[in-house]
Amino acid sequence: MTLPFNGAITDYFENEAPDAVRDAIRAVPKGAILSDAYPYAERLNKGEYKDTLYALQLELAKLLADVKTQGKRIIVVFEGRDAAGKGGTIKRFMEPLNPRGATVVALTKPTEKERGQWYFQRYIRHLPSDGEIVLFDRSWYNRAVVERVMGFCSNEQYDEFMRQAPAFERMLVRDGITLIKFWFSVSRKEQIARFTIRRIDPVRQWKLSPMDLASLDRWDTYTDAKEAMFYYPDTPHAPWTVVRSNDKKRGRIEAMRFLLDQLPYDEKDESVVGTPDPHIVGPPHEIYEFGEATGREFPALEP
């Protein structure tokens, strides 16, 4: 079975990517992580993962019950490179949650009408009301990364987004909304491996889009866009939290643990929530892939 892509994209997968993945896999023991910077040599044990996941999901159910009782509002933003594990993590977050109180927002490309609106307008329609949690599977930060890299916005639109995003998020927080922003980080080797699995697995082929494939040759450009995004809209009221997800299971567990650790709720079991692993989840200046974090500053935006 083949995907309906032609030319350079198909050639990449047929001739280059499989060899690169095989070489990467041969270089490490079975079950090891395809990364030059990952802090663990092996993936999380399946049994330990299932037990921990179940316990944390029970805490998520308690959190939602408290949110509904207290009328709280929570937004969780899931961003990251293609194939970084956002969708799988969101699925595990939602499994124990009542869909009447927790929803996932995954918007498609804007319509002609939406393109004529204020950029944030279509996201505002999906903000939580009292007693609700909203998970954004990609968010307004599409403009900072995907649109920037793929040329879907102008330089002026991009600069204006970077000016407005901190102010927009400050308004959300000042109005009482809790905003958690996750960036899921994955190494280049692991990303190629996951793309290749999607390419050859009929059950997963729907996950592989032309946009995903186009991103393969733009790794460094995505890195630049990500670092600029961390530089401008990473604020005290709405900081970014990076999750290393070369091991998807560890990434899911630590993202859940981080969220639960940040929020107070009734009947919270601190022994279950524990402390987020600082090697897996943390601020952008501490958690990054090999060769990604440059530490450079970006020019100030003109007012």
Protein backbone atom coordinates (compact mmCIF):
# COMPACT_ATOMS: atom_id res chain seq x y z
CA MET A 1 0.00 0.00 0.00
CA THR A 2 1.31 3.44 -0.91
CA LEU A 3 0.37 6.96 0.01
CA PRO A 4 -0.97 9.36 -2.63
CA PHE A 5 2.21 11.43 -2.70
CA ASN A 6 4.56 11.70 -5.62
CA GLY A 7 7.94 13.09 -6.52
CA ALA A 8 10.54 14.06 -3.95
CA ILE A 9 8.36 13.12 -0.96
CA THR A 10 7.86 9.53 -2.10
CA ASP A 11 11.54 9.27 -3.07
CA TYR A 12 12.54 10.40 0.40
CA PHE A 13 10.62 7.63 2.09
CA GLU A 14 11.44 4.93 -0.42
CA ASN A 15 15.15 5.64 -0.68
CA GLU A 16 16.43 7.77 2.21
CA ALA A 17 14.33 7.62 5.37
CA PRO A 18 14.24 3.82 5.82
CA ASP A 19 18.03 3.55 5.63
CA ALA A 20 18.49 6.44 8.05
CA VAL A 21 16.12 4.84 10.51
CA ARG A 22 17.76 1.41 10.21
CA ASP A 23 21.19 2.96 10.80
CA ALA A 24 19.91 4.80 13.86
CA ILE A 25 18.29 1.67 15.27
CA ARG A 26 21.44 -0.44 14.71
CA ALA A 27 23.48 2.10 16.67
CA VAL A 28 21.55 1.57 19.92
CA PRO A 29 20.30 -1.49 21.86
CA LYS A 30 16.73 -2.69 21.42
CA GLY A 31 14.31 -0.47 23.30
CA ALA A 32 16.78 2.41 23.56
CA ILE A 33 15.90 5.98 22.71
CA LEU A 34 16.71 7.53 19.32
CA SER A 35 18.15 10.73 20.75
CA ASP A 36 21.56 12.21 21.46
CA ALA A 37 20.34 14.00 24.59
CA TYR A 38 17.65 11.82 26.20
CA PRO A 39 18.39 11.22 29.90
CA TYR A 40 17.31 7.55 29.95
CA ALA A 41 18.81 4.68 27.98
CA GLU A 42 15.60 2.62 27.76
CA ARG A 43 11.91 3.26 27.42
CA LEU A 44 9.58 3.11 30.40
CA ASN A 45 8.54 -0.43 31.35
CA LYS A 46 5.05 -1.23 30.03
CA GLY A 47 3.76 -2.55 33.35
CA GLU A 48 5.02 0.43 35.31
CA TYR A 49 3.55 2.75 32.69
CA LYS A 50 0.08 1.19 32.90
CA ASP A 51 -0.01 1.27 36.70
CA THR A 52 1.19 4.87 36.89
CA LEU A 53 -1.10 6.01 34.10
CA TYR A 54 -4.15 4.53 35.80
CA ALA A 55 -3.32 6.18 39.13
CA LEU A 56 -2.76 9.58 37.50
CA GLN A 57 -5.94 9.28 35.44
CA LEU A 58 -7.89 8.81 38.68
CA GLU A 59 -6.36 12.10 39.85
CA LEU A 60 -7.41 13.77 36.59
CA ALA A 61 -10.99 12.64 37.24
CA LYS A 62 -10.77 14.22 40.73
CA LEU A 63 -9.43 17.40 39.16
CA LEU A 64 -12.35 17.67 36.73
CA ALA A 65 -14.85 17.03 39.55
CA ASP A 66 -13.29 19.88 41.51
CA VAL A 67 -13.28 22.13 38.43
CA LYS A 68 -17.01 21.54 37.96
CA THR A 69 -17.80 22.04 41.65
CA GLN A 70 -15.75 25.19 42.03
CA GLY A 71 -16.55 26.66 38.62
CA LYS A 72 -12.91 26.81 37.57
CA ARG A 73 -11.71 27.26 34.00
CA ILE A 74 -8.60 25.56 32.64
CA ILE A 75 -6.90 25.67 29.24
CA VAL A 76 -4.14 23.24 28.32
CA VAL A 77 -2.25 23.95 25.10
CA PHE A 78 -0.49 21.06 23.35
CA GLU A 79 2.13 22.16 20.82
CA GLY A 80 5.21 20.50 19.35
CA ARG A 81 6.82 19.18 16.22
CA ASP A 82 4.92 16.79 13.97
CA ALA A 83 4.88 13.23 15.41
CA ALA A 84 5.99 14.50 18.83
CA GLY A 85 3.23 12.61 20.66
CA LYS A 86 0.66 15.35 21.26
CA GLY A 87 -2.34 13.36 20.03
CA GLY A 88 -1.53 10.24 22.06
CA THR A 89 -1.05 12.30 25.20
CA ILE A 90 -4.34 14.14 24.71
CA LYS A 91 -6.09 10.80 24.25
CA ARG A 92 -4.76 9.55 27.61
CA PHE A 93 -5.72 12.83 29.28
CA MET A 94 -9.28 12.50 28.03
CA GLU A 95 -9.85 8.80 28.79
CA PRO A 96 -11.00 9.37 32.43
CA LEU A 97 -12.73 12.69 31.82
CA ASN A 98 -16.43 13.35 31.28
CA PRO A 99 -16.76 14.97 27.82
CA ARG A 100 -19.43 17.27 29.26
CA GLY A 101 -16.72 18.96 31.29
CA ALA A 102 -13.57 18.40 29.23
CA THR A 103 -13.29 18.95 25.49
CA VAL A 104 -10.60 18.80 22.84
CA VAL A 105 -10.28 21.60 20.29
CA ALA A 106 -8.42 20.67 17.10
CA LEU A 107 -9.19 23.29 14.49
CA THR A 108 -8.65 22.79 10.79
CA LYS A 109 -7.21 25.49 8.56
CA PRO A 110 -9.14 28.78 8.78
CA THR A 111 -12.05 29.42 6.48
CA GLU A 112 -12.21 32.39 4.15
CA LYS A 113 -14.34 34.23 6.71
CA GLU A 114 -11.94 33.40 9.56
CA ARG A 115 -8.99 34.67 7.54
CA GLY A 116 -10.71 38.06 7.50
CA GLN A 117 -11.13 38.12 11.30
CA TRP A 118 -8.82 39.07 14.13
CA TYR A 119 -6.39 36.16 14.36
CA PHE A 120 -7.41 35.09 17.90
CA GLN A 121 -11.14 35.35 17.19
CA ARG A 122 -11.79 31.75 16.18
CA TYR A 123 -9.98 30.47 19.28
CA ILE A 124 -12.01 32.69 21.62
CA ARG A 125 -15.17 30.80 20.63
CA HIS A 126 -13.69 27.66 22.24
CA LEU A 127 -12.53 29.12 25.55
CA PRO A 128 -13.87 27.33 28.65
CA SER A 129 -16.88 28.43 30.64
CA ASP A 130 -17.23 27.86 34.39
CA GLY A 131 -16.53 24.22 35.31
CA GLU A 132 -14.76 23.32 32.06
CA ILE A 133 -11.35 22.13 30.89
CA VAL A 134 -10.37 22.73 27.25
CA LEU A 135 -7.43 20.94 25.64
CA PHE A 136 -6.10 22.61 22.49
CA ASP A 137 -4.55 20.15 20.05
CA ARG A 138 -2.46 22.89 18.47
CA SER A 139 -3.60 26.39 19.22
CA TRP A 140 -3.09 30.04 18.33
CA TYR A 141 0.62 29.16 18.25
CA ASN A 142 0.09 27.75 14.77
CA ARG A 143 1.05 31.23 13.61
CA ALA A 144 4.32 31.19 15.57
CA VAL A 145 5.55 27.88 14.17
CA VAL A 146 3.64 26.13 11.36
CA GLU A 147 2.45 29.26 9.57
CA ARG A 148 5.83 30.92 10.01
CA VAL A 149 7.81 27.94 8.70
CA MET A 150 5.49 27.08 5.83
CA GLY A 151 5.03 30.69 4.70
CA PHE A 152 1.29 30.81 5.46
CA CYS A 153 1.53 34.23 7.11
CA SER A 154 3.35 37.43 6.28
CA ASN A 155 6.22 38.86 8.31
CA GLU A 156 3.89 41.61 9.48
CA GLN A 157 1.25 39.11 10.63
CA TYR A 158 3.90 37.08 12.45
CA ASP A 159 5.36 40.11 14.23
CA GLU A 160 1.90 41.30 15.25
CA PHE A 161 1.10 37.86 16.66
CA MET A 162 4.24 37.92 18.77
CA ARG A 163 3.22 41.34 20.13
CA GLN A 164 -0.37 40.34 20.85
CA ALA A 165 0.03 36.78 22.21
CA PRO A 166 1.44 37.78 25.63
CA ALA A 167 -1.29 40.42 26.04
CA PHE A 168 -4.01 37.98 24.95
CA GLU A 169 -2.82 35.37 27.44
CA ARG A 170 -2.48 37.95 30.18
CA MET A 171 -6.16 38.82 29.71
CA LEU A 172 -7.13 35.15 29.98
CA VAL A 173 -5.16 34.68 33.18
CA ARG A 174 -6.34 37.96 34.76
CA ASP A 175 -9.92 36.85 34.09
CA GLY A 176 -9.32 33.73 36.20
CA ILE A 177 -8.45 31.13 33.57
CA THR A 178 -5.60 28.75 34.36
CA LEU A 179 -3.40 28.41 31.28
CA ILE A 180 -0.88 25.57 30.89
CA LYS A 181 1.27 25.53 27.72
CA PHE A 182 3.07 22.31 26.74
CA TRP A 183 5.65 21.96 23.97
CA PHE A 184 6.35 18.30 23.11
CA SER A 185 9.96 17.85 22.07
CA VAL A 186 11.24 15.00 19.90
CA SER A 187 14.65 14.30 18.35
CA ARG A 188 15.12 14.30 14.60
CA LYS A 189 15.98 10.58 14.54
CA GLU A 190 12.86 9.68 16.50
CA GLN A 191 10.68 11.89 14.30
CA ILE A 192 11.93 10.20 11.15
CA ALA A 193 11.33 6.79 12.72
CA ARG A 194 7.75 7.71 13.59
CA PHE A 195 7.09 9.12 10.13
CA THR A 196 8.41 5.93 8.59
CA ILE A 197 6.16 3.78 10.78
CA ARG A 198 3.20 5.87 9.68
CA ARG A 199 4.32 5.45 6.08
CA ILE A 200 4.30 1.62 6.18
CA ASP A 201 1.50 0.94 8.70
CA PRO A 202 -1.93 1.02 6.98
CA VAL A 203 -3.67 1.75 10.30
CA ARG A 204 -1.57 4.86 10.89
CA GLN A 205 -1.25 6.21 7.36
CA TRP A 206 -4.07 8.70 7.96
CA LYS A 207 -1.76 10.44 10.45
CA LEU A 208 0.79 11.23 7.75
CA SER A 209 -0.09 14.43 5.90
CA PRO A 210 1.71 16.35 3.15
CA MET A 211 2.41 19.00 5.82
CA ASP A 212 4.19 16.41 7.97
CA LEU A 213 6.33 15.34 5.06
CA ALA A 214 7.16 18.89 4.08
CA SER A 215 8.46 19.49 7.59
CA LEU A 216 11.20 16.87 7.20
CA ASP A 217 13.47 19.22 5.29
CA ARG A 218 12.72 22.15 7.60
CA TRP A 219 14.07 20.86 10.91
CA ASP A 220 16.36 23.84 11.50
CA THR A 221 13.70 26.33 10.42
CA TYR A 222 11.27 24.78 12.90
CA THR A 223 13.97 25.04 15.57
CA ASP A 224 14.39 28.75 14.87
CA ALA A 225 10.63 29.32 15.03
CA LYS A 226 10.31 27.34 18.26
CA GLU A 227 13.12 29.27 19.94
CA ALA A 228 11.61 32.61 18.89
CA MET A 229 8.28 31.47 20.28
CA PHE A 230 9.94 30.66 23.60
CA TYR A 231 11.70 34.02 23.60
CA TYR A 232 8.70 36.30 23.04
CA PRO A 233 5.51 34.75 24.54
CA ASP A 234 7.23 32.85 27.41
CA THR A 235 5.98 35.05 30.25
CA PRO A 236 5.61 34.72 34.05
CA HIS A 237 1.82 34.60 33.74
CA ALA A 238 1.86 32.01 30.92
CA PRO A 239 5.22 30.19 30.78
CA TRP A 240 6.09 27.39 28.39
CA THR A 241 6.72 23.88 29.71
CA VAL A 242 8.70 21.47 27.52
CA VAL A 243 8.05 17.72 27.61
CA ARG A 244 10.70 15.35 26.25
CA SER A 245 8.68 12.75 24.36
CA ASN A 246 11.20 10.54 22.62
CA ASP A 247 9.77 7.97 25.03
CA LYS A 248 6.05 8.62 24.54
CA LYS A 249 5.05 6.78 27.70
CA ARG A 250 7.34 8.82 29.93
CA GLY A 251 6.24 12.01 28.21
CA ARG A 252 2.54 11.28 28.82
CA ILE A 253 3.11 10.38 32.46
CA GLU A 254 5.21 13.46 33.22
CA ALA A 255 2.87 15.83 31.39
CA MET A 256 -0.02 14.54 33.51
CA ARG A 257 2.07 14.70 36.66
CA PHE A 258 3.12 18.27 35.90
CA LEU A 259 -0.45 19.43 35.32
CA LEU A 260 -1.72 17.79 38.51
CA ASP A 261 1.23 19.13 40.50
CA GLN A 262 0.44 22.69 39.38
CA LEU A 263 -3.25 22.68 40.32
CA PRO A 264 -5.00 22.45 43.69
CA TYR A 265 -8.12 20.24 43.88
CA ASP A 266 -10.14 18.35 46.48
CA GLU A 267 -8.93 14.90 47.59
CA LYS A 268 -5.61 15.33 45.84
CA ASP A 269 -3.31 12.37 46.60
CA GLU A 270 0.17 13.87 46.77
CA SER A 271 1.73 10.40 47.02
CA VAL A 272 0.29 9.57 43.58
CA VAL A 273 0.97 12.89 41.92
CA GLY A 274 4.53 13.00 43.22
CA THR A 275 7.09 15.35 41.69
CA PRO A 276 7.48 15.86 37.92
CA ASP A 277 10.71 14.38 36.57
CA PRO A 278 13.00 17.40 35.96
CA HIS A 279 14.84 15.42 33.27
CA ILE A 280 11.64 15.04 31.22
CA VAL A 281 9.54 18.13 31.90
CA GLY A 282 10.58 21.69 32.65
CA PRO A 283 11.24 25.19 31.27
CA PRO A 284 12.67 25.67 27.75
CA HIS A 285 16.12 26.70 28.96
CA GLU A 286 16.48 23.34 30.74
CA ILE A 287 14.66 20.84 28.50
CA TYR A 288 15.64 20.63 24.83
CA GLU A 289 16.96 18.28 22.17
CA PHE A 290 20.59 18.01 21.10
CA GLY A 291 21.57 21.00 18.97
CA GLU A 292 18.27 22.83 19.50
CA ALA A 293 18.74 25.41 22.25
CA THR A 294 21.05 28.17 21.09
CA GLY A 295 20.41 30.57 23.96
CA ARG A 296 20.47 33.45 21.52
CA GLU A 297 18.34 36.52 21.92
CA PHE A 298 15.95 37.82 19.29
CA PRO A 299 15.49 41.43 18.20
CA ALA A 300 12.94 43.56 19.99
CA LEU A 301 9.68 43.97 18.11
CA GLU A 302 8.85 47.49 17.07
CA PRO A 303 5.80 48.85 18.93
